[in-house]
Protein backbone atom coordinates (compact mmCIF):
# COMPACT_ATOMS: atom_id res chain seq x y z
CA UNK A 1 4.66 -9.73 -13.21
CA UNK A 2 5.53 -11.86 -10.20
CA UNK A 3 2.71 -13.31 -8.16
CA UNK A 4 2.24 -12.10 -4.60
CA UNK A 5 3.00 -14.12 -1.52
CA UNK A 6 0.34 -16.28 0.04
CA UNK A 7 -0.75 -15.73 3.62
CA UNK A 8 1.05 -18.96 4.57
CA UNK A 9 4.23 -17.66 2.95
CA UNK A 10 3.93 -14.37 4.83
CA UNK A 11 3.39 -16.19 8.11
CA UNK A 12 6.36 -18.48 7.40
CA UNK A 13 8.58 -15.53 6.45
CA UNK A 14 7.76 -13.70 9.68
CA UNK A 15 8.29 -16.91 11.68
CA UNK A 16 11.71 -17.44 10.08
CA UNK A 17 12.66 -13.88 10.98
CA UNK A 18 11.45 -14.09 14.60
CA UNK A 19 12.93 -17.58 15.11
CA UNK A 20 16.48 -16.28 14.75
CA UNK A 21 16.18 -14.43 18.09
CA UNK A 22 16.33 -16.07 21.54
CA UNK A 23 13.48 -13.85 22.76
CA UNK A 24 11.07 -15.22 20.14
CA UNK A 25 7.54 -13.88 20.04
CA UNK A 26 6.29 -11.49 22.70
CA UNK A 27 3.50 -12.58 25.03
CA UNK A 28 -0.06 -12.14 23.75
CA UNK A 29 -0.61 -9.14 26.03
CA UNK A 30 2.61 -7.47 24.89
CA UNK A 31 1.68 -8.25 21.28
CA UNK A 32 -1.71 -6.61 21.74
CA UNK A 33 0.00 -3.54 23.19
CA UNK A 34 2.33 -3.45 20.16
CA UNK A 35 -0.62 -3.77 17.81
CA UNK A 36 -2.39 -0.91 19.59
CA UNK A 37 0.75 1.21 19.31
CA UNK A 38 1.03 0.51 15.57
CA UNK A 39 -2.67 1.24 15.09
CA UNK A 40 -2.15 4.59 16.80
CA UNK A 41 0.71 5.38 14.41
CA UNK A 42 -1.51 4.46 11.46
CA UNK A 43 -4.28 6.69 12.84
CA UNK A 44 -1.82 9.56 13.14
CA UNK A 45 -0.75 9.21 9.49
CA UNK A 46 -4.36 8.98 8.28
CA UNK A 47 -5.15 12.09 10.29
CA UNK A 48 -2.21 13.92 8.68
CA UNK A 49 -3.23 12.95 5.15
CA UNK A 50 -7.01 13.12 5.42
CA UNK A 51 -7.79 14.94 8.64
CA UNK A 52 -7.45 18.42 9.94
CA UNK A 53 -4.09 17.93 11.68
CA UNK A 54 -1.14 18.63 9.37
CA UNK A 55 2.31 17.31 10.22
CA UNK A 56 4.70 19.52 12.10
CA UNK A 57 7.61 20.67 9.98
CA UNK A 58 10.07 18.67 12.10
CA UNK A 59 8.09 15.38 12.01
CA UNK A 60 9.60 12.43 10.15
CA UNK A 61 7.81 11.65 6.89
CA UNK A 62 6.06 8.27 7.05
CA UNK A 63 3.41 6.80 4.80
CA UNK A 64 0.13 5.08 5.42
CA UNK A 65 1.55 2.14 3.48
CA UNK A 66 4.49 1.87 5.89
CA UNK A 67 2.24 2.08 8.93
CA UNK A 68 -0.13 -0.55 7.50
CA UNK A 69 2.91 -2.76 6.92
CA UNK A 70 4.01 -2.33 10.54
CA UNK A 71 0.53 -3.19 11.78
CA UNK A 72 0.33 -6.20 9.45
CA UNK A 73 3.71 -7.49 10.67
CA UNK A 74 2.58 -7.35 14.30
CA UNK A 75 -0.74 -8.98 13.37
CA UNK A 76 1.15 -11.85 11.72
CA UNK A 77 3.41 -12.14 14.78
CA UNK A 78 0.33 -12.28 17.02
CA UNK A 79 -1.29 -14.99 14.89
CA UNK A 80 1.93 -17.00 14.69
CA UNK A 81 2.50 -16.82 18.44
CA UNK A 82 -0.96 -18.33 18.99
CA UNK A 83 -0.63 -20.85 16.11
CA UNK A 84 -3.49 -19.23 14.21
CA UNK A 85 -3.68 -19.78 10.46
CA UNK A 86 -4.64 -16.37 9.09
CA UNK A 87 -6.07 -17.86 5.90
CA UNK A 88 -8.44 -20.00 7.97
CA UNK A 89 -9.30 -16.98 10.15
CA UNK A 90 -10.03 -14.98 6.98
CA UNK A 91 -12.26 -17.74 5.62
CA UNK A 92 -14.23 -17.84 8.88
CA UNK A 93 -14.85 -14.09 8.71
CA UNK A 94 -15.79 -14.12 5.02
CA UNK A 95 -18.27 -16.93 5.68
CA UNK A 96 -19.77 -14.87 8.49
CA UNK A 97 -20.17 -11.86 6.18
CA UNK A 98 -21.61 -14.04 3.41
CA UNK A 99 -24.24 -15.50 5.74
CA UNK A 100 -25.04 -13.21 8.67
CA UNK A 101 -24.52 -9.97 6.76
CA UNK A 102 -25.54 -11.08 3.26
CA UNK A 103 -28.45 -8.60 3.05
CA UNK A 104 -26.99 -5.88 5.23
CA UNK A 105 -25.57 -3.65 2.48
CA UNK A 106 -26.95 -2.44 -0.84
CA UNK A 107 -25.31 -4.40 -3.63
CA UNK A 108 -24.03 -2.50 -6.66
CA UNK A 109 -25.70 -4.94 -9.05
CA UNK A 110 -29.08 -4.14 -7.40
CA UNK A 111 -28.51 -0.41 -7.96
CA UNK A 112 -27.72 -0.99 -11.65
CA UNK A 113 -30.81 -3.15 -12.13
CA UNK A 114 -32.98 -0.56 -10.37
CA UNK A 115 -31.66 2.18 -12.67
CA UNK A 116 -32.30 0.00 -15.73
CA UNK A 117 -35.85 -0.67 -14.57
CA UNK A 118 -36.44 3.04 -14.02
CA UNK A 119 -36.57 2.71 -10.23
CA UNK A 120 -34.80 5.19 -7.97
């Protein structure tokens, strides 16, 4: 099985694609509007699959996977346009969760130990 692409490879691939066009990346405000638009499309698909609003019979079939991909592409474009390394951004967030929020949620291992000790 082939290994997946790294975040740097994804960012480079998107940059290579965008760099072939004179227009280049959109402005940050336009990029945010695009991201909001893609998020709305993702929300619509989630609502169709898991919510109470079924698709109309004439609506084009799309998948949550496709909509997540669209949103991810725009997110990478946004990061690239601002020279943000998404791996570094990810590491910053994970460090925040590991420190600030380290005791915020009930860990699965704690639940297992509690059950083994007879606690509920």
